[in-house]
Amino acid sequence: MWMQERLAWLVESYAIDVCGYALLSNHYHLVVKIGPERLPVWSDREVIERWTRLYSGTTAARRYLEHQALSAS
C-alpha cells in the first residue's frame, strides 16, 4: 500500500517513529513520536541531504552538497 511505503520513507528520512495509524476511506489518523535522540549523530550534511529528499532545497544547500563555495567572493 502506498501509504505504508510513504510512512516507512518518512521514518527513514526524519527523526520520527510511527506509533500507530488508521487509514479510512477519506482521511487518516497518524500518531508519531519525535526521536530527538537520533539528531546528535546526524552531521550537517546528513540533515541537508534528508531535507532535500522532500524539498528541492535552496541554492546554498545545493552548493553545499556539491562542495562549492557558499559565498560569491
N, C-alpha and C. Protein backbone atom coordinates (compact mmCIF):
# COMPACT_ATOMS: atom_id res chain seq x y z
N MET A 1 0.84 -1.16 0.00
CA MET A 1 0.00 0.00 0.00
C MET A 1 0.90 1.24 0.00
N TRP A 2 0.54 2.24 -0.76
CA TRP A 2 1.39 3.42 -0.92
C TRP A 2 1.57 4.19 0.37
N MET A 3 0.55 4.21 1.21
CA MET A 3 0.64 4.96 2.46
C MET A 3 1.67 4.34 3.39
N GLN A 4 1.71 3.05 3.48
CA GLN A 4 2.69 2.37 4.33
C GLN A 4 4.11 2.60 3.81
N GLU A 5 4.27 2.58 2.49
CA GLU A 5 5.58 2.85 1.90
C GLU A 5 6.02 4.29 2.19
N ARG A 6 5.09 5.21 2.10
CA ARG A 6 5.40 6.61 2.37
C ARG A 6 5.77 6.81 3.84
N LEU A 7 5.05 6.17 4.75
CA LEU A 7 5.38 6.27 6.16
C LEU A 7 6.76 5.69 6.45
N ALA A 8 7.10 4.58 5.84
CA ALA A 8 8.43 3.99 6.02
C ALA A 8 9.51 4.93 5.51
N TRP A 9 9.25 5.59 4.39
CA TRP A 9 10.20 6.55 3.83
C TRP A 9 10.38 7.74 4.77
N LEU A 10 9.30 8.23 5.34
CA LEU A 10 9.37 9.35 6.27
C LEU A 10 10.17 8.99 7.53
N VAL A 11 9.98 7.77 8.03
CA VAL A 11 10.72 7.33 9.21
C VAL A 11 12.22 7.27 8.90
N GLU A 12 12.58 6.83 7.69
CA GLU A 12 13.99 6.79 7.29
C GLU A 12 14.56 8.19 7.09
N SER A 13 13.74 9.12 6.65
CA SER A 13 14.22 10.46 6.31
C SER A 13 14.27 11.42 7.48
N TYR A 14 13.41 11.24 8.45
CA TYR A 14 13.30 12.19 9.55
C TYR A 14 13.42 11.47 10.89
N ALA A 15 13.58 12.24 11.94
CA ALA A 15 13.74 11.67 13.28
C ALA A 15 12.37 11.43 13.91
N ILE A 16 11.60 10.54 13.30
CA ILE A 16 10.28 10.21 13.83
C ILE A 16 10.09 8.70 13.87
N ASP A 17 9.23 8.26 14.74
CA ASP A 17 8.77 6.88 14.80
C ASP A 17 7.26 6.90 14.66
N VAL A 18 6.73 6.01 13.86
CA VAL A 18 5.28 5.89 13.73
C VAL A 18 4.80 4.94 14.81
N CYS A 19 3.98 5.46 15.70
CA CYS A 19 3.44 4.65 16.80
C CYS A 19 2.16 3.93 16.39
N GLY A 20 1.42 4.53 15.48
CA GLY A 20 0.19 3.91 15.02
C GLY A 20 -0.45 4.75 13.95
N TYR A 21 -1.29 4.12 13.16
CA TYR A 21 -2.02 4.85 12.13
C TYR A 21 -3.30 4.10 11.80
N ALA A 22 -4.25 4.83 11.26
CA ALA A 22 -5.52 4.25 10.81
C ALA A 22 -5.87 4.90 9.49
N LEU A 23 -6.06 4.08 8.46
CA LEU A 23 -6.44 4.58 7.14
C LEU A 23 -7.93 4.39 6.95
N LEU A 24 -8.64 5.48 6.70
CA LEU A 24 -10.06 5.44 6.46
C LEU A 24 -10.32 5.81 5.00
N SER A 25 -11.53 5.77 4.57
CA SER A 25 -11.82 5.99 3.15
C SER A 25 -11.51 7.42 2.70
N ASN A 26 -11.64 8.39 3.58
CA ASN A 26 -11.42 9.77 3.16
C ASN A 26 -10.39 10.55 4.00
N HIS A 27 -9.75 9.89 4.95
CA HIS A 27 -8.71 10.54 5.74
C HIS A 27 -7.93 9.48 6.50
N TYR A 28 -6.93 9.93 7.22
CA TYR A 28 -6.15 9.01 8.04
C TYR A 28 -5.81 9.65 9.38
N HIS A 29 -5.48 8.81 10.34
CA HIS A 29 -5.00 9.24 11.66
C HIS A 29 -3.59 8.70 11.81
N LEU A 30 -2.72 9.54 12.33
CA LEU A 30 -1.32 9.17 12.44
C LEU A 30 -0.79 9.62 13.80
N VAL A 31 -0.14 8.71 14.51
CA VAL A 31 0.48 9.03 15.78
C VAL A 31 1.98 8.82 15.61
N VAL A 32 2.72 9.89 15.79
CA VAL A 32 4.17 9.80 15.64
C VAL A 32 4.87 10.25 16.91
N LYS A 33 6.07 9.76 17.08
CA LYS A 33 6.92 10.18 18.19
C LYS A 33 8.17 10.80 17.58
N ILE A 34 8.48 12.00 18.00
CA ILE A 34 9.69 12.65 17.53
C ILE A 34 10.86 12.03 18.28
N GLY A 35 11.89 11.67 17.55
CA GLY A 35 13.04 10.98 18.14
C GLY A 35 14.27 11.86 18.23
N PRO A 36 14.31 12.81 19.17
CA PRO A 36 15.46 13.71 19.25
C PRO A 36 16.77 13.00 19.59
N GLU A 37 16.69 11.79 20.11
CA GLU A 37 17.92 11.07 20.44
C GLU A 37 18.73 10.73 19.19
N ARG A 38 18.10 10.74 18.01
CA ARG A 38 18.81 10.47 16.76
C ARG A 38 19.56 11.69 16.23
N LEU A 39 19.08 12.86 16.57
CA LEU A 39 19.62 14.08 15.98
C LEU A 39 21.10 14.34 16.25
N PRO A 40 21.62 14.11 17.46
CA PRO A 40 23.03 14.43 17.70
C PRO A 40 24.00 13.65 16.81
N VAL A 41 23.59 12.53 16.29
CA VAL A 41 24.51 11.73 15.46
C VAL A 41 24.45 12.13 13.99
N TRP A 42 23.54 13.02 13.62
CA TRP A 42 23.46 13.47 12.23
C TRP A 42 24.40 14.64 12.00
N SER A 43 25.20 14.56 10.97
CA SER A 43 26.07 15.68 10.59
C SER A 43 25.23 16.74 9.88
N ASP A 44 25.80 17.92 9.71
CA ASP A 44 25.10 18.97 8.96
C ASP A 44 24.76 18.49 7.56
N ARG A 45 25.69 17.79 6.94
CA ARG A 45 25.48 17.28 5.59
C ARG A 45 24.30 16.30 5.55
N GLU A 46 24.24 15.41 6.53
CA GLU A 46 23.15 14.43 6.56
C GLU A 46 21.80 15.10 6.75
N VAL A 47 21.74 16.14 7.58
CA VAL A 47 20.49 16.87 7.77
C VAL A 47 20.04 17.50 6.45
N ILE A 48 20.97 18.12 5.74
CA ILE A 48 20.63 18.75 4.46
C ILE A 48 20.22 17.70 3.43
N GLU A 49 20.91 16.58 3.39
CA GLU A 49 20.55 15.51 2.45
C GLU A 49 19.14 14.98 2.74
N ARG A 50 18.83 14.78 3.99
CA ARG A 50 17.49 14.29 4.35
C ARG A 50 16.42 15.32 4.01
N TRP A 51 16.71 16.59 4.24
CA TRP A 51 15.75 17.65 3.95
C TRP A 51 15.51 17.76 2.45
N THR A 52 16.56 17.62 1.65
CA THR A 52 16.40 17.76 0.20
C THR A 52 15.78 16.53 -0.45
N ARG A 53 15.56 15.47 0.30
CA ARG A 53 14.80 14.33 -0.24
C ARG A 53 13.35 14.72 -0.52
N LEU A 54 12.83 15.61 0.30
CA LEU A 54 11.43 16.02 0.16
C LEU A 54 11.30 17.37 -0.53
N TYR A 55 12.23 18.27 -0.26
CA TYR A 55 12.18 19.62 -0.82
C TYR A 55 13.35 19.80 -1.79
N SER A 56 13.19 20.69 -2.75
CA SER A 56 14.26 20.89 -3.73
C SER A 56 15.49 21.53 -3.10
N GLY A 57 15.34 22.21 -2.01
CA GLY A 57 16.47 22.82 -1.34
C GLY A 57 16.78 24.20 -1.89
N THR A 58 17.52 24.94 -1.13
CA THR A 58 17.92 26.28 -1.54
C THR A 58 19.19 26.19 -2.38
N THR A 59 19.54 27.29 -3.00
CA THR A 59 20.78 27.34 -3.77
C THR A 59 21.96 27.04 -2.86
N ALA A 60 21.95 27.61 -1.66
CA ALA A 60 23.05 27.38 -0.72
C ALA A 60 23.14 25.90 -0.34
N ALA A 61 22.01 25.24 -0.13
CA ALA A 61 22.02 23.81 0.23
C ALA A 61 22.59 22.98 -0.91
N ARG A 62 22.17 23.27 -2.14
CA ARG A 62 22.69 22.52 -3.30
C ARG A 62 24.19 22.74 -3.47
N ARG A 63 24.63 23.99 -3.29
CA ARG A 63 26.05 24.29 -3.41
C ARG A 63 26.85 23.58 -2.32
N TYR A 64 26.33 23.55 -1.12
CA TYR A 64 27.00 22.85 -0.01
C TYR A 64 27.16 21.37 -0.33
N LEU A 65 26.09 20.74 -0.82
CA LEU A 65 26.14 19.32 -1.14
C LEU A 65 27.07 19.01 -2.31
N GLU A 66 27.29 19.99 -3.19
CA GLU A 66 28.18 19.83 -4.34
C GLU A 66 29.60 20.31 -4.02
N HIS A 67 29.87 20.63 -2.76
CA HIS A 67 31.18 21.08 -2.29
C HIS A 67 31.64 22.34 -3.01
N GLN A 68 30.71 23.25 -3.28
CA GLN A 68 31.03 24.52 -3.91
C GLN A 68 31.08 25.60 -2.85
N ALA A 69 31.74 26.70 -3.19
CA ALA A 69 31.80 27.84 -2.27
C ALA A 69 30.40 28.38 -2.03
N LEU A 70 30.12 28.76 -0.79
CA LEU A 70 28.79 29.27 -0.45
C LEU A 70 28.66 30.77 -0.64
N SER A 71 29.76 31.48 -0.78
CA SER A 71 29.71 32.92 -0.99
C SER A 71 30.23 33.26 -2.38
N ALA A 72 29.88 34.43 -2.84
CA ALA A 72 30.28 34.85 -4.18
C ALA A 72 31.73 35.32 -4.21
N SER A 73 32.33 35.59 -3.08
CA SER A 73 33.71 36.11 -3.05
C SER A 73 34.74 35.01 -3.17
